[in-house]
Amino acid sequence: MDVLGIGRTTGPLSDQEVNQTVHQAAAALGANGKKVLAIIPDYTRTCPLGQVLRELHSALAGKVAQLDFMIAL
């Protein structure tokens, strides 16, 4: 799998950039009809986690057989 994403050193990504990146990554998974386990960071990492989870659910719900999340400690 290729690495997808964008970044910058001058500030955080915009909401639109985060949403677009999540949807692009979800589409690249090829996970239709499969079970998906998303490993997410714990509270020691900084990211717009709520937004990422909502967008990932939006991108995959109804397409995958199952979507689960596990917190990486």
N, C-alpha and C. Protein backbone atom coordinates (compact mmCIF):
# COMPACT_ATOMS: atom_id res chain seq x y z
N MET A 1 0.84 -1.17 0.00
CA MET A 1 0.00 0.00 0.00
C MET A 1 0.89 1.24 0.00
N ASP A 2 0.50 2.21 -0.76
CA ASP A 2 1.22 3.48 -0.81
C ASP A 2 0.89 4.32 0.42
N VAL A 3 1.80 5.21 0.77
CA VAL A 3 1.55 6.15 1.84
C VAL A 3 0.82 7.35 1.26
N LEU A 4 -0.28 7.73 1.88
CA LEU A 4 -1.08 8.85 1.42
C LEU A 4 -1.08 9.92 2.49
N GLY A 5 -1.09 11.16 2.07
CA GLY A 5 -1.22 12.23 3.05
C GLY A 5 -0.55 13.50 2.60
N ILE A 6 -0.74 14.51 3.40
CA ILE A 6 -0.11 15.80 3.18
C ILE A 6 0.34 16.33 4.53
N GLY A 7 1.18 17.30 4.51
CA GLY A 7 1.63 17.90 5.76
C GLY A 7 2.30 19.23 5.50
N ARG A 8 2.54 19.93 6.57
CA ARG A 8 3.23 21.21 6.46
C ARG A 8 3.85 21.54 7.79
N THR A 9 4.77 22.46 7.78
CA THR A 9 5.45 22.87 9.01
C THR A 9 4.93 24.20 9.53
N THR A 10 4.02 24.83 8.81
CA THR A 10 3.56 26.17 9.16
C THR A 10 2.24 26.20 9.92
N GLY A 11 1.63 25.07 10.19
CA GLY A 11 0.36 25.04 10.90
C GLY A 11 -0.40 23.77 10.61
N PRO A 12 -1.54 23.62 11.25
CA PRO A 12 -2.33 22.40 11.06
C PRO A 12 -3.01 22.37 9.70
N LEU A 13 -3.43 21.18 9.32
CA LEU A 13 -4.20 21.00 8.09
C LEU A 13 -5.59 21.60 8.28
N SER A 14 -6.18 22.04 7.21
CA SER A 14 -7.55 22.54 7.28
C SER A 14 -8.50 21.36 7.43
N ASP A 15 -9.72 21.64 7.86
CA ASP A 15 -10.72 20.57 7.96
C ASP A 15 -10.91 19.89 6.62
N GLN A 16 -10.95 20.67 5.56
CA GLN A 16 -11.14 20.11 4.22
C GLN A 16 -9.97 19.20 3.84
N GLU A 17 -8.74 19.58 4.18
CA GLU A 17 -7.58 18.75 3.87
C GLU A 17 -7.62 17.43 4.64
N VAL A 18 -8.02 17.50 5.91
CA VAL A 18 -8.14 16.28 6.72
C VAL A 18 -9.20 15.37 6.11
N ASN A 19 -10.37 15.92 5.82
CA ASN A 19 -11.46 15.12 5.25
C ASN A 19 -11.06 14.48 3.93
N GLN A 20 -10.44 15.25 3.06
CA GLN A 20 -10.03 14.74 1.75
C GLN A 20 -9.00 13.62 1.91
N THR A 21 -8.06 13.78 2.81
CA THR A 21 -7.02 12.77 3.02
C THR A 21 -7.62 11.47 3.56
N VAL A 22 -8.55 11.57 4.51
CA VAL A 22 -9.19 10.38 5.07
C VAL A 22 -9.99 9.65 4.00
N HIS A 23 -10.77 10.38 3.21
CA HIS A 23 -11.57 9.74 2.17
C HIS A 23 -10.69 9.11 1.09
N GLN A 24 -9.59 9.77 0.75
CA GLN A 24 -8.66 9.22 -0.24
C GLN A 24 -8.05 7.93 0.28
N ALA A 25 -7.65 7.92 1.53
CA ALA A 25 -7.05 6.71 2.12
C ALA A 25 -8.08 5.59 2.21
N ALA A 26 -9.31 5.91 2.60
CA ALA A 26 -10.35 4.90 2.71
C ALA A 26 -10.65 4.28 1.34
N ALA A 27 -10.69 5.10 0.31
CA ALA A 27 -10.95 4.58 -1.04
C ALA A 27 -9.82 3.68 -1.51
N ALA A 28 -8.59 3.99 -1.11
CA ALA A 28 -7.43 3.21 -1.54
C ALA A 28 -7.34 1.86 -0.83
N LEU A 29 -8.08 1.68 0.24
CA LEU A 29 -8.02 0.42 0.98
C LEU A 29 -8.53 -0.77 0.17
N GLY A 30 -9.54 -0.54 -0.64
CA GLY A 30 -10.15 -1.67 -1.34
C GLY A 30 -10.80 -2.63 -0.37
N ALA A 31 -11.47 -2.08 0.65
CA ALA A 31 -11.99 -2.89 1.74
C ALA A 31 -13.48 -3.21 1.62
N ASN A 32 -14.09 -2.93 0.50
CA ASN A 32 -15.53 -3.21 0.35
C ASN A 32 -15.83 -4.66 0.68
N GLY A 33 -16.80 -4.85 1.57
CA GLY A 33 -17.21 -6.19 1.97
C GLY A 33 -16.30 -6.87 2.97
N LYS A 34 -15.24 -6.21 3.40
CA LYS A 34 -14.29 -6.80 4.34
C LYS A 34 -14.44 -6.20 5.72
N LYS A 35 -13.83 -6.85 6.70
CA LYS A 35 -13.76 -6.31 8.05
C LYS A 35 -12.57 -5.37 8.12
N VAL A 36 -12.76 -4.22 8.78
CA VAL A 36 -11.69 -3.22 8.90
C VAL A 36 -11.45 -2.93 10.37
N LEU A 37 -10.20 -2.95 10.77
CA LEU A 37 -9.80 -2.56 12.12
C LEU A 37 -8.91 -1.34 11.99
N ALA A 38 -9.37 -0.21 12.51
CA ALA A 38 -8.59 1.02 12.49
C ALA A 38 -7.90 1.16 13.84
N ILE A 39 -6.59 1.24 13.81
CA ILE A 39 -5.82 1.42 15.04
C ILE A 39 -5.57 2.91 15.20
N ILE A 40 -6.10 3.46 16.28
CA ILE A 40 -6.08 4.90 16.49
C ILE A 40 -5.16 5.26 17.65
N PRO A 41 -4.63 6.49 17.65
CA PRO A 41 -3.71 6.89 18.73
C PRO A 41 -4.45 7.14 20.04
N ASP A 42 -3.70 7.00 21.14
CA ASP A 42 -4.26 7.34 22.44
C ASP A 42 -4.13 8.85 22.65
N TYR A 43 -4.42 9.30 23.85
CA TYR A 43 -4.45 10.73 24.14
C TYR A 43 -3.06 11.39 24.11
N THR A 44 -1.99 10.60 24.00
CA THR A 44 -0.65 11.20 24.01
C THR A 44 -0.23 11.72 22.63
N ARG A 45 -1.04 11.50 21.63
CA ARG A 45 -0.75 11.98 20.28
C ARG A 45 -1.74 13.07 19.91
N THR A 46 -1.26 14.03 19.15
CA THR A 46 -2.10 15.15 18.75
C THR A 46 -2.59 14.96 17.33
N CYS A 47 -3.90 14.99 17.17
CA CYS A 47 -4.52 14.94 15.86
C CYS A 47 -5.99 15.26 16.04
N PRO A 48 -6.68 15.62 14.97
CA PRO A 48 -8.12 15.87 15.07
C PRO A 48 -8.88 14.54 15.05
N LEU A 49 -8.71 13.75 16.10
CA LEU A 49 -9.18 12.37 16.11
C LEU A 49 -10.69 12.25 15.89
N GLY A 50 -11.47 13.09 16.54
CA GLY A 50 -12.91 13.03 16.34
C GLY A 50 -13.30 13.22 14.89
N GLN A 51 -12.68 14.18 14.26
CA GLN A 51 -12.94 14.46 12.85
C GLN A 51 -12.51 13.29 11.98
N VAL A 52 -11.34 12.75 12.23
CA VAL A 52 -10.84 11.62 11.45
C VAL A 52 -11.78 10.42 11.57
N LEU A 53 -12.24 10.13 12.79
CA LEU A 53 -13.13 8.98 12.99
C LEU A 53 -14.47 9.20 12.29
N ARG A 54 -15.02 10.40 12.40
CA ARG A 54 -16.29 10.68 11.71
C ARG A 54 -16.14 10.51 10.20
N GLU A 55 -15.07 11.02 9.64
CA GLU A 55 -14.85 10.93 8.19
C GLU A 55 -14.58 9.49 7.76
N LEU A 56 -13.83 8.76 8.57
CA LEU A 56 -13.56 7.36 8.23
C LEU A 56 -14.87 6.56 8.26
N HIS A 57 -15.68 6.79 9.27
CA HIS A 57 -16.97 6.12 9.33
C HIS A 57 -17.83 6.50 8.12
N SER A 58 -17.84 7.79 7.79
CA SER A 58 -18.61 8.26 6.64
C SER A 58 -18.15 7.59 5.35
N ALA A 59 -16.85 7.43 5.21
CA ALA A 59 -16.28 6.86 3.98
C ALA A 59 -16.51 5.36 3.87
N LEU A 60 -16.59 4.66 5.00
CA LEU A 60 -16.63 3.19 4.96
C LEU A 60 -17.97 2.57 5.35
N ALA A 61 -18.80 3.29 6.08
CA ALA A 61 -20.07 2.73 6.54
C ALA A 61 -20.93 2.31 5.35
N GLY A 62 -21.48 1.12 5.44
CA GLY A 62 -22.32 0.60 4.37
C GLY A 62 -21.53 -0.06 3.25
N LYS A 63 -20.22 0.09 3.28
CA LYS A 63 -19.37 -0.52 2.25
C LYS A 63 -18.59 -1.71 2.79
N VAL A 64 -18.20 -1.62 4.07
CA VAL A 64 -17.42 -2.70 4.67
C VAL A 64 -18.33 -3.59 5.51
N ALA A 65 -17.90 -4.82 5.72
CA ALA A 65 -18.69 -5.76 6.50
C ALA A 65 -18.71 -5.38 7.98
N GLN A 66 -17.61 -4.83 8.46
CA GLN A 66 -17.50 -4.46 9.86
C GLN A 66 -16.40 -3.42 10.00
N LEU A 67 -16.62 -2.44 10.88
CA LEU A 67 -15.63 -1.40 11.13
C LEU A 67 -15.43 -1.29 12.63
N ASP A 68 -14.22 -1.59 13.08
CA ASP A 68 -13.88 -1.53 14.50
C ASP A 68 -12.69 -0.59 14.70
N PHE A 69 -12.58 -0.09 15.93
CA PHE A 69 -11.47 0.79 16.29
C PHE A 69 -10.78 0.23 17.52
N MET A 70 -9.45 0.27 17.51
CA MET A 70 -8.66 -0.17 18.65
C MET A 70 -7.68 0.95 18.99
N ILE A 71 -7.60 1.28 20.27
CA ILE A 71 -6.69 2.33 20.71
C ILE A 71 -5.30 1.74 20.90
N ALA A 72 -4.33 2.36 20.25
CA ALA A 72 -2.92 1.93 20.38
C ALA A 72 -2.34 2.58 21.61
N LEU A 73 -1.86 1.78 22.52
CA LEU A 73 -1.26 2.32 23.74
C LEU A 73 0.24 2.23 23.68
